[in-house]
PDB file of all heavy atoms in Angstrom:
ATOM      1  N   PRO A   1      -6.740  -5.217  57.951  1.00  0.00           N
ATOM      2  CA  PRO A   1      -7.505  -4.002  57.639  1.00  0.00           C
ATOM      3  C   PRO A   1      -7.109  -2.816  58.509  1.00  0.00           C
ATOM      4  O   PRO A   1      -7.406  -1.667  58.165  1.00  0.00           O
ATOM      5  CB  PRO A   1      -8.957  -4.424  57.908  1.00  0.00           C
ATOM      6  CG  PRO A   1      -8.866  -5.598  58.822  1.00  0.00           C
ATOM      7  CD  PRO A   1      -7.601  -6.297  58.472  1.00  0.00           C
ATOM      8  N   LYS A   2      -6.446  -3.056  59.622  1.00  0.00           N
ATOM      9  CA  LYS A   2      -6.007  -1.972  60.494  1.00  0.00           C
ATOM     10  C   LYS A   2      -4.775  -1.244  59.972  1.00  0.00           C
ATOM     11  O   LYS A   2      -4.498  -0.107  60.363  1.00  0.00           O
ATOM     12  CB  LYS A   2      -5.667  -2.515  61.896  1.00  0.00           C
ATOM     13  CG  LYS A   2      -6.841  -2.886  62.761  1.00  0.00           C
ATOM     14  CD  LYS A   2      -6.324  -3.254  64.146  1.00  0.00           C
ATOM     15  CE  LYS A   2      -7.467  -3.592  65.093  1.00  0.00           C
ATOM     16  NZ  LYS A   2      -6.945  -3.924  66.456  1.00  0.00           N
ATOM     17  N   ALA A   3      -3.993  -1.925  59.131  1.00  0.00           N
ATOM     18  CA  ALA A   3      -2.692  -1.395  58.751  1.00  0.00           C
ATOM     19  C   ALA A   3      -2.816  -0.069  58.006  1.00  0.00           C
ATOM     20  O   ALA A   3      -3.657   0.091  57.125  1.00  0.00           O
ATOM     21  CB  ALA A   3      -1.947  -2.414  57.885  1.00  0.00           C
ATOM     22  N   ILE A   4      -1.947   0.868  58.372  1.00  0.00           N
ATOM     23  CA  ILE A   4      -1.886   2.140  57.645  1.00  0.00           C
ATOM     24  C   ILE A   4      -0.876   2.009  56.513  1.00  0.00           C
ATOM     25  O   ILE A   4       0.077   1.226  56.606  1.00  0.00           O
ATOM     26  CB  ILE A   4      -1.483   3.298  58.570  1.00  0.00           C
ATOM     27  CG1 ILE A   4      -0.051   3.088  59.115  1.00  0.00           C
ATOM     28  CG2 ILE A   4      -2.483   3.480  59.711  1.00  0.00           C
ATOM     29  CD1 ILE A   4       0.569   4.324  59.718  1.00  0.00           C
ATOM     30  N   PRO A   5      -1.037   2.742  55.415  1.00  0.00           N
ATOM     31  CA  PRO A   5      -0.012   2.730  54.368  1.00  0.00           C
ATOM     32  C   PRO A   5       1.246   3.427  54.862  1.00  0.00           C
ATOM     33  O   PRO A   5       1.183   4.364  55.672  1.00  0.00           O
ATOM     34  CB  PRO A   5      -0.668   3.509  53.220  1.00  0.00           C
ATOM     35  CG  PRO A   5      -1.700   4.354  53.868  1.00  0.00           C
ATOM     36  CD  PRO A   5      -2.178   3.602  55.060  1.00  0.00           C
ATOM     37  N   VAL A   6       2.387   2.955  54.392  1.00  0.00           N
ATOM     38  CA  VAL A   6       3.652   3.509  54.871  1.00  0.00           C
ATOM     39  C   VAL A   6       3.754   5.007  54.577  1.00  0.00           C
ATOM     40  O   VAL A   6       4.410   5.761  55.318  1.00  0.00           O
ATOM     41  CB  VAL A   6       4.837   2.719  54.266  1.00  0.00           C
ATOM     42  CG1 VAL A   6       4.943   2.951  52.764  1.00  0.00           C
ATOM     43  CG2 VAL A   6       6.133   3.065  54.975  1.00  0.00           C
ATOM     44  N   GLN A   7       3.058   5.465  53.531  1.00  0.00           N
ATOM     45  CA  GLN A   7       3.092   6.886  53.202  1.00  0.00           C
ATOM     46  C   GLN A   7       2.456   7.752  54.294  1.00  0.00           C
ATOM     47  O   GLN A   7       2.721   8.951  54.371  1.00  0.00           O
ATOM     48  CB  GLN A   7       2.365   7.151  51.874  1.00  0.00           C
ATOM     49  CG  GLN A   7       3.013   6.496  50.667  1.00  0.00           C
ATOM     50  CD  GLN A   7       2.464   5.107  50.384  1.00  0.00           C
ATOM     51  OE1 GLN A   7       2.013   4.410  51.301  1.00  0.00           O
ATOM     52  NE2 GLN A   7       2.506   4.693  49.114  1.00  0.00           N
ATOM     53  N   ALA A   8       1.625   7.138  55.137  1.00  0.00           N
ATOM     54  CA  ALA A   8       0.950   7.887  56.204  1.00  0.00           C
ATOM     55  C   ALA A   8       1.680   7.776  57.541  1.00  0.00           C
ATOM     56  O   ALA A   8       1.181   8.279  58.555  1.00  0.00           O
ATOM     57  CB  ALA A   8      -0.485   7.386  56.363  1.00  0.00           C
ATOM     58  N   LEU A   9       2.855   7.151  57.569  1.00  0.00           N
ATOM     59  CA  LEU A   9       3.524   6.892  58.837  1.00  0.00           C
ATOM     60  C   LEU A   9       3.943   8.180  59.543  1.00  0.00           C
ATOM     61  O   LEU A   9       3.772   8.307  60.764  1.00  0.00           O
ATOM     62  CB  LEU A   9       4.734   5.987  58.629  1.00  0.00           C
ATOM     63  CG  LEU A   9       5.548   5.654  59.887  1.00  0.00           C
ATOM     64  CD1 LEU A   9       4.662   5.054  60.976  1.00  0.00           C
ATOM     65  CD2 LEU A   9       6.696   4.710  59.547  1.00  0.00           C
ATOM     66  N   ALA A  10       4.504   9.126  58.819  1.00  0.00           N
ATOM     67  CA  ALA A  10       4.954  10.363  59.463  1.00  0.00           C
ATOM     68  C   ALA A  10       3.791  11.088  60.126  1.00  0.00           C
ATOM     69  O   ALA A  10       3.884  11.523  61.281  1.00  0.00           O
ATOM     70  CB  ALA A  10       5.642  11.264  58.434  1.00  0.00           C
ATOM     71  N   GLU A  11       2.691  11.197  59.413  1.00  0.00           N
ATOM     72  CA  GLU A  11       1.501  11.844  59.971  1.00  0.00           C
ATOM     73  C   GLU A  11       0.969  11.071  61.180  1.00  0.00           C
ATOM     74  O   GLU A  11       0.567  11.655  62.197  1.00  0.00           O
ATOM     75  CB  GLU A  11       0.429  11.942  58.895  1.00  0.00           C
ATOM     76  CG  GLU A  11      -0.869  12.576  59.350  1.00  0.00           C
ATOM     77  CD  GLU A  11      -1.918  12.593  58.253  1.00  0.00           C
ATOM     78  OE1 GLU A  11      -1.592  12.235  57.102  1.00  0.00           O
ATOM     79  OE2 GLU A  11      -3.071  12.947  58.557  1.00  0.00           O
ATOM     80  N   THR A  12       0.974   9.744  61.081  1.00  0.00           N
ATOM     81  CA  THR A  12       0.492   8.912  62.178  1.00  0.00           C
ATOM     82  C   THR A  12       1.394   9.055  63.404  1.00  0.00           C
ATOM     83  O   THR A  12       0.917   9.122  64.548  1.00  0.00           O
ATOM     84  CB  THR A  12       0.433   7.440  61.746  1.00  0.00           C
ATOM     85  OG1 THR A  12      -0.450   7.326  60.623  1.00  0.00           O
ATOM     86  CG2 THR A  12      -0.050   6.548  62.861  1.00  0.00           C
ATOM     87  N   ALA A  13       2.710   9.128  63.182  1.00  0.00           N
ATOM     88  CA  ALA A  13       3.648   9.310  64.300  1.00  0.00           C
ATOM     89  C   ALA A  13       3.383  10.626  65.021  1.00  0.00           C
ATOM     90  O   ALA A  13       3.449  10.683  66.262  1.00  0.00           O
ATOM     91  CB  ALA A  13       5.081   9.253  63.788  1.00  0.00           C
ATOM     92  N   GLU A  14       3.083  11.668  64.276  1.00  0.00           N
ATOM     93  CA  GLU A  14       2.749  12.956  64.893  1.00  0.00           C
ATOM     94  C   GLU A  14       1.524  12.815  65.795  1.00  0.00           C
ATOM     95  O   GLU A  14       1.481  13.368  66.903  1.00  0.00           O
ATOM     96  CB  GLU A  14       2.494  14.007  63.822  1.00  0.00           C
ATOM     97  CG  GLU A  14       3.735  14.500  63.114  1.00  0.00           C
ATOM     98  CD  GLU A  14       3.417  15.598  62.116  1.00  0.00           C
ATOM     99  OE1 GLU A  14       2.756  15.294  61.092  1.00  0.00           O
ATOM    100  OE2 GLU A  14       3.805  16.755  62.369  1.00  0.00           O
ATOM    101  N   ALA A  15       0.523  12.082  65.322  1.00  0.00           N
ATOM    102  CA  ALA A  15      -0.703  11.905  66.101  1.00  0.00           C
ATOM    103  C   ALA A  15      -0.432  11.132  67.394  1.00  0.00           C
ATOM    104  O   ALA A  15      -0.963  11.469  68.462  1.00  0.00           O
ATOM    105  CB  ALA A  15      -1.749  11.187  65.260  1.00  0.00           C
ATOM    106  N   TYR A  16       0.402  10.089  67.314  1.00  0.00           N
ATOM    107  CA  TYR A  16       0.748   9.341  68.518  1.00  0.00           C
ATOM    108  C   TYR A  16       1.572  10.200  69.478  1.00  0.00           C
ATOM    109  O   TYR A  16       1.403  10.123  70.706  1.00  0.00           O
ATOM    110  CB  TYR A  16       1.511   8.068  68.161  1.00  0.00           C
ATOM    111  CG  TYR A  16       0.620   6.894  67.827  1.00  0.00           C
ATOM    112  CD1 TYR A  16       0.345   6.548  66.506  1.00  0.00           C
ATOM    113  CD2 TYR A  16       0.055   6.119  68.839  1.00  0.00           C
ATOM    114  CE1 TYR A  16      -0.467   5.463  66.202  1.00  0.00           C
ATOM    115  CE2 TYR A  16      -0.762   5.037  68.536  1.00  0.00           C
ATOM    116  CZ  TYR A  16      -1.022   4.715  67.218  1.00  0.00           C
ATOM    117  OH  TYR A  16      -1.832   3.645  66.928  1.00  0.00           O
ATOM    118  N   GLN A  17       2.473  11.008  68.925  1.00  0.00           N
ATOM    119  CA  GLN A  17       3.278  11.866  69.790  1.00  0.00           C
ATOM    120  C   GLN A  17       2.406  12.820  70.602  1.00  0.00           C
ATOM    121  O   GLN A  17       2.647  13.044  71.797  1.00  0.00           O
ATOM    122  CB  GLN A  17       4.278  12.670  68.953  1.00  0.00           C
ATOM    123  CG  GLN A  17       5.215  13.532  69.811  1.00  0.00           C
ATOM    124  CD  GLN A  17       5.946  14.582  69.010  1.00  0.00           C
ATOM    125  OE1 GLN A  17       5.362  15.212  68.124  1.00  0.00           O
ATOM    126  NE2 GLN A  17       7.224  14.766  69.283  1.00  0.00           N
ATOM    127  N   LYS A  18       1.375  13.341  69.981  1.00  0.00           N
ATOM    128  CA  LYS A  18       0.477  14.261  70.685  1.00  0.00           C
ATOM    129  C   LYS A  18      -0.240  13.584  71.847  1.00  0.00           C
ATOM    130  O   LYS A  18      -0.641  14.253  72.803  1.00  0.00           O
ATOM    131  CB  LYS A  18      -0.535  14.849  69.700  1.00  0.00           C
ATOM    132  CG  LYS A  18       0.079  15.839  68.717  1.00  0.00           C
ATOM    133  CD  LYS A  18      -0.940  16.326  67.702  1.00  0.00           C
ATOM    134  CE  LYS A  18      -0.290  17.290  66.709  1.00  0.00           C
ATOM    135  NZ  LYS A  18      -1.238  17.719  65.662  1.00  0.00           N
ATOM    136  N   LEU A  19      -0.379  12.257  71.773  1.00  0.00           N
ATOM    137  CA  LEU A  19      -1.006  11.507  72.858  1.00  0.00           C
ATOM    138  C   LEU A  19      -0.007  11.117  73.949  1.00  0.00           C
ATOM    139  O   LEU A  19      -0.398  10.563  74.973  1.00  0.00           O
ATOM    140  CB  LEU A  19      -1.666  10.240  72.304  1.00  0.00           C
ATOM    141  CG  LEU A  19      -2.852  10.446  71.362  1.00  0.00           C
ATOM    142  CD1 LEU A  19      -3.334   9.099  70.829  1.00  0.00           C
ATOM    143  CD2 LEU A  19      -3.990  11.183  72.053  1.00  0.00           C
ATOM    144  N   GLY A  20       1.274  11.388  73.709  1.00  0.00           N
ATOM    145  CA  GLY A  20       2.290  11.073  74.707  1.00  0.00           C
ATOM    146  C   GLY A  20       3.057   9.800  74.462  1.00  0.00           C
ATOM    147  O   GLY A  20       3.825   9.356  75.326  1.00  0.00           O
ATOM    148  N   VAL A  21       2.889   9.183  73.292  1.00  0.00           N
ATOM    149  CA  VAL A  21       3.631   7.970  72.960  1.00  0.00           C
ATOM    150  C   VAL A  21       5.057   8.350  72.573  1.00  0.00           C
ATOM    151  O   VAL A  21       5.272   9.281  71.798  1.00  0.00           O
ATOM    152  CB  VAL A  21       2.941   7.190  71.820  1.00  0.00           C
ATOM    153  CG1 VAL A  21       3.796   6.013  71.359  1.00  0.00           C
ATOM    154  CG2 VAL A  21       1.570   6.702  72.282  1.00  0.00           C
ATOM    155  N   ASN A  22       6.038   7.602  73.116  1.00  0.00           N
ATOM    156  CA  ASN A  22       7.453   7.902  72.882  1.00  0.00           C
ATOM    157  C   ASN A  22       8.094   7.045  71.792  1.00  0.00           C
ATOM    158  O   ASN A  22       9.144   7.398  71.265  1.00  0.00           O
ATOM    159  CB  ASN A  22       8.263   7.674  74.169  1.00  0.00           C
ATOM    160  CG  ASN A  22       7.653   8.305  75.390  1.00  0.00           C
ATOM    161  OD1 ASN A  22       7.020   7.616  76.177  1.00  0.00           O
ATOM    162  ND2 ASN A  22       7.815   9.605  75.558  1.00  0.00           N
ATOM    163  N   HIS A  23       7.478   5.886  71.502  1.00  0.00           N
ATOM    164  CA  HIS A  23       8.168   4.894  70.673  1.00  0.00           C
ATOM    165  C   HIS A  23       7.114   4.073  69.937  1.00  0.00           C
ATOM    166  O   HIS A  23       6.249   3.462  70.579  1.00  0.00           O
ATOM    167  CB  HIS A  23       8.996   3.997  71.595  1.00  0.00           C
ATOM    168  CG  HIS A  23      10.049   3.177  70.935  1.00  0.00           C
ATOM    169  ND1 HIS A  23      11.189   2.762  71.593  1.00  0.00           N
ATOM    170  CD2 HIS A  23      10.165   2.651  69.686  1.00  0.00           C
ATOM    171  CE1 HIS A  23      11.944   2.029  70.780  1.00  0.00           C
ATOM    172  NE2 HIS A  23      11.330   1.950  69.613  1.00  0.00           N
ATOM    173  N   LEU A  24       7.162   4.074  68.610  1.00  0.00           N
ATOM    174  CA  LEU A  24       6.282   3.233  67.805  1.00  0.00           C
ATOM    175  C   LEU A  24       7.037   1.981  67.381  1.00  0.00           C
ATOM    176  O   LEU A  24       8.161   2.068  66.873  1.00  0.00           O
ATOM    177  CB  LEU A  24       5.792   3.978  66.565  1.00  0.00           C
ATOM    178  CG  LEU A  24       4.771   5.091  66.765  1.00  0.00           C
ATOM    179  CD1 LEU A  24       4.389   5.694  65.425  1.00  0.00           C
ATOM    180  CD2 LEU A  24       3.527   4.593  67.493  1.00  0.00           C
ATOM    181  N   ILE A  25       6.421   0.838  67.577  1.00  0.00           N
ATOM    182  CA  ILE A  25       7.005  -0.440  67.171  1.00  0.00           C
ATOM    183  C   ILE A  25       6.125  -0.995  66.063  1.00  0.00           C
ATOM    184  O   ILE A  25       4.948  -1.267  66.266  1.00  0.00           O
ATOM    185  CB  ILE A  25       7.090  -1.396  68.358  1.00  0.00           C
ATOM    186  CG1 ILE A  25       8.016  -0.797  69.427  1.00  0.00           C
ATOM    187  CG2 ILE A  25       7.596  -2.770  67.910  1.00  0.00           C
ATOM    188  CD1 ILE A  25       7.902  -1.434  70.775  1.00  0.00           C
ATOM    189  N   ILE A  26       6.696  -1.125  64.882  1.00  0.00           N
ATOM    190  CA  ILE A  26       5.929  -1.393  63.669  1.00  0.00           C
ATOM    191  C   ILE A  26       6.034  -2.856  63.272  1.00  0.00           C
ATOM    192  O   ILE A  26       7.131  -3.426  63.201  1.00  0.00           O
ATOM    193  CB  ILE A  26       6.422  -0.496  62.516  1.00  0.00           C
ATOM    194  CG1 ILE A  26       6.142   0.972  62.852  1.00  0.00           C
ATOM    195  CG2 ILE A  26       5.776  -0.890  61.189  1.00  0.00           C
ATOM    196  CD1 ILE A  26       6.803   1.948  61.916  1.00  0.00           C
ATOM    197  N   SER A  27       4.877  -3.448  62.998  1.00  0.00           N
ATOM    198  CA  SER A  27       4.831  -4.755  62.357  1.00  0.00           C
ATOM    199  C   SER A  27       4.595  -4.510  60.872  1.00  0.00           C
ATOM    200  O   SER A  27       3.497  -4.110  60.472  1.00  0.00           O
ATOM    201  CB  SER A  27       3.714  -5.605  62.953  1.00  0.00           C
ATOM    202  OG  SER A  27       3.662  -6.871  62.326  1.00  0.00           O
ATOM    203  N   PRO A  28       5.613  -4.729  60.024  1.00  0.00           N
ATOM    204  CA  PRO A  28       5.488  -4.377  58.608  1.00  0.00           C
ATOM    205  C   PRO A  28       4.717  -5.436  57.822  1.00  0.00           C
ATOM    206  O   PRO A  28       4.802  -6.624  58.105  1.00  0.00           O
ATOM    207  CB  PRO A  28       6.938  -4.313  58.109  1.00  0.00           C
ATOM    208  CG  PRO A  28       7.800  -4.481  59.324  1.00  0.00           C
ATOM    209  CD  PRO A  28       6.970  -5.183  60.345  1.00  0.00           C
ATOM    210  N   GLU A  29       3.992  -4.983  56.818  1.00  0.00           N
ATOM    211  CA  GLU A  29       3.304  -5.868  55.876  1.00  0.00           C
ATOM    212  C   GLU A  29       3.706  -5.450  54.462  1.00  0.00           C
ATOM    213  O   GLU A  29       3.368  -4.348  54.049  1.00  0.00           O
ATOM    214  CB  GLU A  29       1.786  -5.762  56.046  1.00  0.00           C
ATOM    215  CG  GLU A  29       1.282  -6.204  57.400  1.00  0.00           C
ATOM    216  CD  GLU A  29      -0.226  -6.078  57.533  1.00  0.00           C
ATOM    217  OE1 GLU A  29      -0.898  -5.610  56.583  1.00  0.00           O
ATOM    218  OE2 GLU A  29      -0.755  -6.446  58.581  1.00  0.00           O
ATOM    219  N   PRO A  30       4.432  -6.314  53.722  1.00  0.00           N
ATOM    220  CA  PRO A  30       4.996  -7.603  54.142  1.00  0.00           C
ATOM    221  C   PRO A  30       6.281  -7.417  54.942  1.00  0.00           C
ATOM    222  O   PRO A  30       6.822  -6.317  55.008  1.00  0.00           O
ATOM    223  CB  PRO A  30       5.279  -8.294  52.810  1.00  0.00           C
ATOM    224  CG  PRO A  30       5.622  -7.156  51.885  1.00  0.00           C
ATOM    225  CD  PRO A  30       4.713  -6.026  52.295  1.00  0.00           C
ATOM    226  N   MET A  31       6.782  -8.501  55.506  1.00  0.00           N
ATOM    227  CA  MET A  31       7.978  -8.470  56.344  1.00  0.00           C
ATOM    228  C   MET A  31       9.200  -8.689  55.456  1.00  0.00           C
ATOM    229  O   MET A  31       9.693  -9.803  55.291  1.00  0.00           O
ATOM    230  CB  MET A  31       7.897  -9.568  57.400  1.00  0.00           C
ATOM    231  CG  MET A  31       8.994  -9.520  58.436  1.00  0.00           C
ATOM    232  SD  MET A  31       8.726  -8.302  59.732  1.00  0.00           S
ATOM    233  CE  MET A  31       7.347  -9.027  60.620  1.00  0.00           C
ATOM    234  N   THR A  32       9.681  -7.613  54.823  1.00  0.00           N
ATOM    235  CA  THR A  32      10.805  -7.701  53.889  1.00  0.00           C
ATOM    236  C   THR A  32      11.779  -6.561  54.151  1.00  0.00           C
ATOM    237  O   THR A  32      11.405  -5.527  54.722  1.00  0.00           O
ATOM    238  CB  THR A  32      10.324  -7.591  52.430  1.00  0.00           C
ATOM    239  OG1 THR A  32       9.780  -6.277  52.224  1.00  0.00           O
ATOM    240  CG2 THR A  32       9.264  -8.646  52.110  1.00  0.00           C
ATOM    241  N   PRO A  33      13.042  -6.708  53.717  1.00  0.00           N
ATOM    242  CA  PRO A  33      13.980  -5.589  53.828  1.00  0.00           C
ATOM    243  C   PRO A  33      13.485  -4.330  53.117  1.00  0.00           C
ATOM    244  O   PRO A  33      13.724  -3.214  53.594  1.00  0.00           O
ATOM    245  CB  PRO A  33      15.260  -6.141  53.176  1.00  0.00           C
ATOM    246  CG  PRO A  33      15.181  -7.616  53.407  1.00  0.00           C
ATOM    247  CD  PRO A  33      13.718  -7.944  53.265  1.00  0.00           C
ATOM    248  N   ARG A  34      12.769  -4.507  52.005  1.00  0.00           N
ATOM    249  CA  ARG A  34      12.240  -3.334  51.301  1.00  0.00           C
ATOM    250  C   ARG A  34      11.223  -2.595  52.162  1.00  0.00           C
ATOM    251  O   ARG A  34      11.202  -1.363  52.196  1.00  0.00           O
ATOM    252  CB  ARG A  34      11.613  -3.748  49.965  1.00  0.00           C
ATOM    253  CG  ARG A  34      10.960  -2.600  49.196  1.00  0.00           C
ATOM    254  CD  ARG A  34      11.928  -1.451  48.955  1.00  0.00           C
ATOM    255  NE  ARG A  34      11.289  -0.316  48.287  1.00  0.00           N
ATOM    256  CZ  ARG A  34      11.708   0.947  48.370  1.00  0.00           C
ATOM    257  NH1 ARG A  34      12.791   1.242  49.095  1.00  0.00           N
ATOM    258  NH2 ARG A  34      11.079   1.905  47.736  1.00  0.00           N
ATOM    259  N   SER A  35      10.385  -3.313  52.896  1.00  0.00           N
ATOM    260  CA  SER A  35       9.446  -2.665  53.806  1.00  0.00           C
ATOM    261  C   SER A  35      10.188  -1.859  54.867  1.00  0.00           C
ATOM    262  O   SER A  35       9.776  -0.749  55.229  1.00  0.00           O
ATOM    263  CB  SER A  35       8.554  -3.705  54.479  1.00  0.00           C
ATOM    264  OG  SER A  35       7.718  -4.344  53.542  1.00  0.00           O
ATOM    265  N   ILE A  36      11.270  -2.433  55.385  1.00  0.00           N
ATOM    266  CA  ILE A  36      12.066  -1.724  56.392  1.00  0.00           C
ATOM    267  C   ILE A  36      12.653  -0.453  55.799  1.00  0.00           C
ATOM    268  O   ILE A  36      12.683   0.604  56.449  1.00  0.00           O
ATOM    269  CB  ILE A  36      13.182  -2.639  56.937  1.00  0.00           C
ATOM    270  CG1 ILE A  36      12.594  -3.942  57.493  1.00  0.00           C
ATOM    271  CG2 ILE A  36      13.982  -1.909  57.998  1.00  0.00           C
ATOM    272  CD1 ILE A  36      11.543  -3.772  58.546  1.00  0.00           C
ATOM    273  N   GLU A  37      13.118  -0.530  54.577  1.00  0.00           N
ATOM    274  CA  GLU A  37      13.657   0.670  53.915  1.00  0.00           C
ATOM    275  C   GLU A  37      12.594   1.742  53.769  1.00  0.00           C
ATOM    276  O   GLU A  37      12.858   2.938  53.983  1.00  0.00           O
ATOM    277  CB  GLU A  37      14.222   0.285  52.541  1.00  0.00           C
ATOM    278  CG  GLU A  37      15.478  -0.584  52.613  1.00  0.00           C
ATOM    279  CD  GLU A  37      15.835  -1.200  51.270  1.00  0.00           C
ATOM    280  OE1 GLU A  37      15.155  -0.853  50.262  1.00  0.00           O
ATOM    281  OE2 GLU A  37      16.760  -2.029  51.225  1.00  0.00           O
ATOM    282  N   ARG A  38      11.375   1.341  53.415  1.00  0.00           N
ATOM    283  CA  ARG A  38      10.285   2.315  53.272  1.00  0.00           C
ATOM    284  C   ARG A  38       9.954   2.969  54.617  1.00  0.00           C
ATOM    285  O   ARG A  38       9.676   4.167  54.702  1.00  0.00           O
ATOM    286  CB  ARG A  38       9.035   1.637  52.697  1.00  0.00           C
ATOM    287  CG  ARG A  38       9.167   1.106  51.276  1.00  0.00           C
ATOM    288  CD  ARG A  38       9.288   2.217  50.241  1.00  0.00           C
ATOM    289  NE  ARG A  38       8.203   3.190  50.277  1.00  0.00           N
ATOM    290  CZ  ARG A  38       7.021   3.046  49.657  1.00  0.00           C
ATOM    291  NH1 ARG A  38       6.766   1.931  48.980  1.00  0.00           N
ATOM    292  NH2 ARG A  38       6.102   3.989  49.701  1.00  0.00           N
TER     293      ARG A  38
END
């Protein structure tokens, strides 16, 4: 239930950057090459 949709990743990255985070490490759901492409 915590997972964000991949379409919101860019916006979410901006929010983390504002907090001082340098690197996001993503656990994809599901764990497939297509998820990595997205």
